[in-house]
C-alpha atoms as a PDB file:
ATOM      1  CA  MET A   1      -0.187   9.137 -21.296  1.00  0.00           C
ATOM      2  CA  ARG A   2       2.451  11.661 -20.494  1.00  0.00           C
ATOM      3  CA  LYS A   3       0.279  13.199 -17.623  1.00  0.00           C
ATOM      4  CA  PRO A   4       0.686  10.080 -15.294  1.00  0.00           C
ATOM      5  CA  ALA A   5       4.257   9.950 -15.928  1.00  0.00           C
ATOM      6  CA  LEU A   6       4.861  13.731 -15.184  1.00  0.00           C
ATOM      7  CA  THR A   7       2.628  13.346 -12.071  1.00  0.00           C
ATOM      8  CA  LEU A   8       4.512  10.394 -10.825  1.00  0.00           C
ATOM      9  CA  GLY A   9       7.794  12.252 -11.239  1.00  0.00           C
ATOM     10  CA  LEU A  10       6.626  15.360  -9.557  1.00  0.00           C
ATOM     11  CA  ILE A  11       5.494  13.415  -6.471  1.00  0.00           C
ATOM     12  CA  LEU A  12       8.788  11.727  -6.105  1.00  0.00           C
ATOM     13  CA  THR A  13      10.866  15.020  -6.665  1.00  0.00           C
ATOM     14  CA  MET A  14       8.920  16.584  -4.011  1.00  0.00           C
ATOM     15  CA  ALA A  15       9.486  13.976  -1.493  1.00  0.00           C
ATOM     16  CA  ALA A  16      13.116  13.713  -2.314  1.00  0.00           C
ATOM     17  CA  ALA A  17      13.365  17.435  -1.839  1.00  0.00           C
ATOM     18  CA  GLY A  18      11.891  17.216   1.486  1.00  0.00           C
ATOM     19  CA  ALA A  19      14.806  15.240   3.065  1.00  0.00           C
ATOM     20  CA  ALA A  20      16.351  17.392   5.632  1.00  0.00           C
ATOM     21  CA  GLN A  21      19.973  15.889   5.432  1.00  0.00           C
ATOM     22  CA  ILE A  22      22.242  15.750   2.384  1.00  0.00           C
ATOM     23  CA  PRO A  23      23.246  12.080   1.667  1.00  0.00           C
ATOM     24  CA  THR A  24      26.812  11.061   2.519  1.00  0.00           C
ATOM     25  CA  GLY A  25      26.925   8.282  -0.205  1.00  0.00           C
ATOM     26  CA  GLY A  26      24.721   6.109  -2.070  1.00  0.00           C
ATOM     27  CA  ASN A  27      24.356   4.318  -5.455  1.00  0.00           C
ATOM     28  CA  VAL A  28      22.283   4.247  -8.760  1.00  0.00           C
ATOM     29  CA  PHE A  29      20.947   1.141 -10.367  1.00  0.00           C
ATOM     30  CA  PHE A  30      19.751   0.250 -13.855  1.00  0.00           C
ATOM     31  CA  GLY A  31      18.615  -3.100 -15.225  1.00  0.00           C
ATOM     32  CA  TYR A  32      16.271  -5.694 -16.527  1.00  0.00           C
ATOM     33  CA  SER A  33      12.881  -6.056 -14.853  1.00  0.00           C
ATOM     34  CA  TYR A  34      10.212  -8.996 -15.124  1.00  0.00           C
ATOM     35  CA  SER A  35       7.015  -9.605 -13.544  1.00  0.00           C
ATOM     36  CA  ARG A  36       4.040 -11.867 -14.274  1.00  0.00           C
ATOM     37  CA  ALA A  37       0.918  -9.676 -14.081  1.00  0.00           C
ATOM     38  CA  GLU A  38      -2.604  -8.820 -15.548  1.00  0.00           C
ATOM     39  CA  VAL A  39      -3.368  -7.383 -19.146  1.00  0.00           C
ATOM     40  CA  PHE A  40      -6.753  -6.009 -19.127  1.00  0.00           C
ATOM     41  CA  SER A  41      -8.951  -6.088 -22.142  1.00  0.00           C
ATOM     42  CA  SER A  42     -11.847  -3.964 -20.390  1.00  0.00           C
ATOM     43  CA  SER A  43     -12.476  -2.638 -17.059  1.00  0.00           C
ATOM     44  CA  PRO A  44     -13.275  -5.570 -14.662  1.00  0.00           C
ATOM     45  CA  GLY A  45     -16.971  -5.916 -14.407  1.00  0.00           C
ATOM     46  CA  ALA A  46     -17.970  -4.352 -17.740  1.00  0.00           C
ATOM     47  CA  PRO A  47     -20.416  -6.346 -19.687  1.00  0.00           C
ATOM     48  CA  ALA A  48     -19.457  -8.714 -22.264  1.00  0.00           C
ATOM     49  CA  LEU A  49     -21.514  -7.170 -25.071  1.00  0.00           C
ATOM     50  CA  GLY A  50     -18.886  -5.733 -27.393  1.00  0.00           C
ATOM     51  CA  PHE A  51     -15.971  -6.152 -25.288  1.00  0.00           C
ATOM     52  CA  LEU A  52     -12.961  -8.347 -25.527  1.00  0.00           C
ATOM     53  CA  GLN A  53     -13.387 -11.362 -23.096  1.00  0.00           C
ATOM     54  CA  PRO A  54     -12.074 -12.429 -20.496  1.00  0.00           C
ATOM     55  CA  ALA A  55     -11.661  -8.992 -18.742  1.00  0.00           C
ATOM     56  CA  SER A  56      -8.041  -9.711 -17.818  1.00  0.00           C
ATOM     57  CA  ARG A  57      -5.336 -12.469 -18.501  1.00  0.00           C
ATOM     58  CA  LEU A  58      -1.868 -13.198 -16.915  1.00  0.00           C
ATOM     59  CA  SER A  59       0.992 -12.340 -19.176  1.00  0.00           C
ATOM     60  CA  ASN A  60       4.778 -12.017 -18.801  1.00  0.00           C
ATOM     61  CA  PHE A  61       5.867  -8.461 -18.269  1.00  0.00           C
ATOM     62  CA  SER A  62       9.534  -7.420 -19.539  1.00  0.00           C
ATOM     63  CA  GLY A  63      11.101  -3.871 -19.165  1.00  0.00           C
ATOM     64  CA  TRP A  64      13.521  -1.822 -17.104  1.00  0.00           C
ATOM     65  CA  GLU A  65      13.976  -0.566 -13.476  1.00  0.00           C
ATOM     66  CA  ALA A  66      16.051   2.372 -12.283  1.00  0.00           C
ATOM     67  CA  SER A  67      16.715   3.269  -8.875  1.00  0.00           C
ATOM     68  CA  ALA A  68      18.814   5.723  -6.713  1.00  0.00           C
ATOM     69  CA  GLU A  69      19.569   5.645  -3.126  1.00  0.00           C
ATOM     70  CA  GLY A  70      20.984   8.345  -0.807  1.00  0.00           C
ATOM     71  CA  LYS A  71      22.512   7.201   2.415  1.00  0.00           C
ATOM     72  CA  PHE A  72      21.848   9.163   5.521  1.00  0.00           C
ATOM     73  CA  LEU A  73      23.347   6.735   8.094  1.00  0.00           C
ATOM     74  CA  PRO A  74      25.889   3.770   7.276  1.00  0.00           C
ATOM     75  CA  PHE A  75      23.149   1.121   7.053  1.00  0.00           C
ATOM     76  CA  LEU A  76      20.226   3.455   6.182  1.00  0.00           C
ATOM     77  CA  GLY A  77      19.086   5.246   3.160  1.00  0.00           C
ATOM     78  CA  VAL A  78      16.170   6.696   1.119  1.00  0.00           C
ATOM     79  CA  GLU A  79      15.619   5.187  -2.396  1.00  0.00           C
ATOM     80  CA  ILE A  80      13.828   6.418  -5.326  1.00  0.00           C
ATOM     81  CA  ASP A  81      12.648   3.715  -7.878  1.00  0.00           C
ATOM     82  CA  VAL A  82      11.102   3.986 -11.219  1.00  0.00           C
ATOM     83  CA  SER A  83      10.122   1.102 -13.495  1.00  0.00           C
ATOM     84  CA  GLN A  84       8.360   0.352 -16.772  1.00  0.00           C
ATOM     85  CA  ARG A  85       7.228  -2.956 -18.142  1.00  0.00           C
ATOM     86  CA  TYR A  86       5.532  -4.282 -21.386  1.00  0.00           C
ATOM     87  CA  ALA A  87       3.276  -7.334 -22.334  1.00  0.00           C
ATOM     88  CA  SER A  88       0.863  -8.446 -24.800  1.00  0.00           C
ATOM     89  CA  GLN A  89      -2.080 -10.867 -24.759  1.00  0.00           C
ATOM     90  CA  SER A  90      -4.559 -12.251 -27.036  1.00  0.00           C
ATOM     91  CA  PHE A  91      -8.325 -12.015 -26.326  1.00  0.00           C
ATOM     92  CA  THR A  92     -11.470 -13.435 -27.956  1.00  0.00           C
ATOM     93  CA  LEU A  93     -13.930 -10.702 -29.156  1.00  0.00           C
ATOM     94  CA  ALA A  94     -17.324 -11.484 -27.778  1.00  0.00           C
ATOM     95  CA  CYS A  95     -20.234  -9.452 -29.225  1.00  0.00           C
ATOM     96  CA  LEU A  96     -23.783  -9.949 -30.193  1.00  0.00           C
ATOM     97  CA  LEU A  97     -26.200  -8.298 -32.882  1.00  0.00           C
ATOM     98  CA  PRO A  98     -29.421  -6.867 -31.447  1.00  0.00           C
ATOM     99  CA  PRO A  99     -31.382  -9.066 -29.179  1.00  0.00           C
ATOM    100  CA  GLY A 100     -32.436 -12.187 -30.767  1.00  0.00           C
ATOM    101  CA  GLY A 101     -29.906 -11.956 -33.400  1.00  0.00           C
ATOM    102  CA  PRO A 102     -27.165 -14.365 -34.135  1.00  0.00           C
ATOM    103  CA  PRO A 103     -23.703 -13.985 -32.492  1.00  0.00           C
ATOM    104  CA  CYS A 104     -20.891 -12.130 -34.277  1.00  0.00           C
ATOM    105  CA  PRO A 105     -18.258 -14.246 -35.934  1.00  0.00           C
ATOM    106  CA  ALA A 106     -15.452 -15.150 -33.322  1.00  0.00           C
ATOM    107  CA  ALA A 107     -12.191 -13.098 -33.614  1.00  0.00           C
ATOM    108  CA  THR A 108      -9.002 -12.658 -31.757  1.00  0.00           C
ATOM    109  CA  GLN A 109      -7.471  -9.397 -30.945  1.00  0.00           C
ATOM    110  CA  THR A 110      -3.982  -8.592 -29.346  1.00  0.00           C
ATOM    111  CA  VAL A 111      -3.936  -6.018 -26.462  1.00  0.00           C
ATOM    112  CA  ASN A 112      -0.723  -4.417 -25.587  1.00  0.00           C
ATOM    113  CA  SER A 113      -0.092  -3.323 -22.051  1.00  0.00           C
ATOM    114  CA  ARG A 114       2.372  -0.902 -20.454  1.00  0.00           C
ATOM    115  CA  VAL A 115       2.828  -0.611 -16.564  1.00  0.00           C
ATOM    116  CA  LEU A 116       4.833   2.369 -15.046  1.00  0.00           C
ATOM    117  CA  THR A 117       5.621   2.675 -11.377  1.00  0.00           C
ATOM    118  CA  GLY A 118       7.259   5.327  -9.332  1.00  0.00           C
ATOM    119  CA  MET A 119       7.942   4.798  -5.600  1.00  0.00           C
ATOM    120  CA  LEU A 120      10.058   6.167  -2.642  1.00  0.00           C
ATOM    121  CA  GLY A 121      10.878   4.514   0.760  1.00  0.00           C
ATOM    122  CA  PRO A 122      13.546   3.508   3.256  1.00  0.00           C
ATOM    123  CA  ARG A 123      16.268   1.012   2.516  1.00  0.00           C
ATOM    124  CA  VAL A 124      18.382  -0.959   4.861  1.00  0.00           C
ATOM    125  CA  SER A 125      21.739  -2.576   3.700  1.00  0.00           C
ATOM    126  CA  VAL A 126      24.600  -4.488   5.379  1.00  0.00           C
ATOM    127  CA  PRO A 127      27.842  -5.029   3.661  1.00  0.00           C
ATOM    128  CA  ILE A 128      29.619  -8.474   4.133  1.00  0.00           C
ATOM    129  CA  GLY A 129      32.715  -8.681   2.258  1.00  0.00           C
ATOM    130  CA  ARG A 130      31.864  -8.537  -1.508  1.00  0.00           C
ATOM    131  CA  PHE A 131      28.146  -8.968  -0.749  1.00  0.00           C
ATOM    132  CA  THR A 132      25.648  -6.368   0.340  1.00  0.00           C
ATOM    133  CA  PRO A 133      22.214  -7.826   1.114  1.00  0.00           C
ATOM    134  CA  PHE A 134      19.503  -5.164   1.511  1.00  0.00           C
ATOM    135  CA  ALA A 135      15.825  -4.774   2.335  1.00  0.00           C
ATOM    136  CA  HIS A 136      13.335  -1.941   1.228  1.00  0.00           C
ATOM    137  CA  ALA A 137       9.763  -0.667   1.584  1.00  0.00           C
ATOM    138  CA  LEU A 138       8.553   1.594  -1.385  1.00  0.00           C
ATOM    139  CA  PHE A 139       5.371   3.401  -1.620  1.00  0.00           C
ATOM    140  CA  GLY A 140       4.057   5.610  -4.589  1.00  0.00           C
ATOM    141  CA  GLY A 141       1.996   5.166  -7.561  1.00  0.00           C
ATOM    142  CA  ALA A 142       1.498   2.996 -10.653  1.00  0.00           C
ATOM    143  CA  HIS A 143      -0.240   3.578 -14.226  1.00  0.00           C
ATOM    144  CA  ILE A 144      -1.321   1.120 -16.436  1.00  0.00           C
ATOM    145  CA  SER A 145      -2.337   1.643 -20.190  1.00  0.00           C
ATOM    146  CA  ASP A 146      -3.718  -1.037 -22.690  1.00  0.00           C
ATOM    147  CA  THR A 147      -3.792  -0.303 -26.388  1.00  0.00           C
ATOM    148  CA  ASN A 148      -4.696  -1.949 -29.635  1.00  0.00           C
ATOM    149  CA  GLY A 149      -7.836  -4.087 -29.288  1.00  0.00           C
ATOM    150  CA  ALA A 150      -8.700  -2.142 -26.120  1.00  0.00           C
ATOM    151  CA  SER A 151      -7.966   1.325 -24.886  1.00  0.00           C
ATOM    152  CA  ASN A 152      -8.006   1.305 -21.100  1.00  0.00           C
ATOM    153  CA  SER A 153      -5.890   3.193 -18.435  1.00  0.00           C
ATOM    154  CA  ASP A 154      -5.961   3.580 -14.889  1.00  0.00           C
ATOM    155  CA  THR A 155      -3.581   5.120 -11.971  1.00  0.00           C
ATOM    156  CA  SER A 156      -3.505   3.452  -8.667  1.00  0.00           C
ATOM    157  CA  PHE A 157      -1.351   3.555  -5.252  1.00  0.00           C
ATOM    158  CA  SER A 158       1.361   0.881  -5.421  1.00  0.00           C
ATOM    159  CA  THR A 159       3.796  -0.607  -2.758  1.00  0.00           C
ATOM    160  CA  ALA A 160       6.733  -2.865  -3.234  1.00  0.00           C
ATOM    161  CA  ILE A 161       8.176  -4.770  -0.445  1.00  0.00           C
ATOM    162  CA  GLY A 162      11.313  -6.873  -0.974  1.00  0.00           C
ATOM    163  CA  GLY A 163      15.080  -6.766  -1.049  1.00  0.00           C
ATOM    164  CA  GLY A 164      18.040  -8.291  -2.809  1.00  0.00           C
ATOM    165  CA  LEU A 165      21.676  -8.641  -3.042  1.00  0.00           C
ATOM    166  CA  ASP A 166      24.541  -6.657  -4.523  1.00  0.00           C
ATOM    167  CA  TYR A 167      27.789  -8.380  -5.411  1.00  0.00           C
ATOM    168  CA  LYS A 168      30.890  -6.364  -5.686  1.00  0.00           C
ATOM    169  CA  LEU A 169      32.714  -6.662  -9.157  1.00  0.00           C
ATOM    170  CA  ILE A 170      35.304  -3.921  -8.904  1.00  0.00           C
ATOM    171  CA  LYS A 171      35.645  -0.751  -6.639  1.00  0.00           C
ATOM    172  CA  GLY A 172      32.530   1.356  -7.311  1.00  0.00           C
ATOM    173  CA  VAL A 173      30.576  -1.378  -9.368  1.00  0.00           C
ATOM    174  CA  ALA A 174      28.372  -4.067  -8.318  1.00  0.00           C
ATOM    175  CA  TRP A 175      25.699  -6.344  -9.866  1.00  0.00           C
ATOM    176  CA  ARG A 176      22.346  -6.555  -8.193  1.00  0.00           C
ATOM    177  CA  PHE A 177      19.671  -9.304  -7.856  1.00  0.00           C
ATOM    178  CA  GLN A 178      16.310  -8.171  -6.493  1.00  0.00           C
ATOM    179  CA  GLY A 179      12.890  -9.363  -5.707  1.00  0.00           C
ATOM    180  CA  ASP A 180       9.640  -7.424  -4.634  1.00  0.00           C
ATOM    181  CA  ALA A 181       6.179  -8.189  -3.837  1.00  0.00           C
ATOM    182  CA  LEU A 182       4.417  -5.605  -5.933  1.00  0.00           C
ATOM    183  CA  HIS A 183       0.969  -4.629  -4.929  1.00  0.00           C
ATOM    184  CA  THR A 184      -1.171  -2.307  -7.230  1.00  0.00           C
ATOM    185  CA  ARG A 185      -5.118  -1.729  -7.313  1.00  0.00           C
ATOM    186  CA  PHE A 186      -6.126  -1.106 -10.964  1.00  0.00           C
ATOM    187  CA  PHE A 187      -9.660  -0.697 -11.912  1.00  0.00           C
ATOM    188  CA  GLY A 188     -10.696  -1.108  -8.363  1.00  0.00           C
ATOM    189  CA  ALA A 189      -9.309  -4.634  -7.954  1.00  0.00           C
ATOM    190  CA  GLY A 190      -6.022  -5.580  -6.041  1.00  0.00           C
ATOM    191  CA  GLN A 191      -3.181  -7.145  -7.758  1.00  0.00           C
ATOM    192  CA  ASN A 192       0.003  -9.016  -5.919  1.00  0.00           C
ATOM    193  CA  ASN A 193       2.705  -9.772  -8.397  1.00  0.00           C
ATOM    194  CA  LEU A 194       6.339 -10.739  -8.008  1.00  0.00           C
ATOM    195  CA  ARG A 195       8.809  -8.355  -9.618  1.00  0.00           C
ATOM    196  CA  LEU A 196      12.314  -9.535 -10.434  1.00  0.00           C
ATOM    197  CA  SER A 197      15.105  -7.495 -11.447  1.00  0.00           C
ATOM    198  CA  THR A 198      18.900  -7.550 -12.023  1.00  0.00           C
ATOM    199  CA  GLY A 199      21.504  -5.353 -13.457  1.00  0.00           C
ATOM    200  CA  LEU A 200      24.401  -2.757 -12.881  1.00  0.00           C
ATOM    201  CA  VAL A 201      24.991  -0.771  -9.779  1.00  0.00           C
ATOM    202  CA  LEU A 202      27.378   2.285  -9.575  1.00  0.00           C
ATOM    203  CA  ARG A 203      28.361   3.234  -6.063  1.00  0.00           C
ATOM    204  CA  PHE A 204      29.349   6.848  -4.893  1.00  0.00           C
END
């Protein structure tokens, strides 16, 4: 599980290092993140024999999100975003004995899931009094790992298109509300989920 996280971190670090200018300002954000996404009991398309069914089921994911923005123009910056969310879901175990034999006794198994994303992209923001609305387009990678009843993992390209609003609390400190359309492609199938986040912003 450590390798996918290191790979995502290396990609983002190399991309950030390629920026030709030094940021003139920016901000860092850390907060709570929520999405409703799929927990996979087995790779979609796998046979039912000996696998937890159904192959996937929607669940509520909760976790954290952290981001940093460096501003190169007054209204334009580059943002690095990392998030991790967790969920669990119960599945029914479906299996059969040798052909012609009776079915196995029904059983329920809980699968724990973790989704890690790391993305980079431009961000546009316009301060209006105590409010700063913003929009961004982020591109990078995502990794999912399911454990307990089933052991599955996959890494895919990911995008997050969305934006939000920062509300200034005091000088250098704000509170953020953010929403993104998060797209991933785990196990060869596309997933489109809404990601909602809120938390503290420190400006510099």
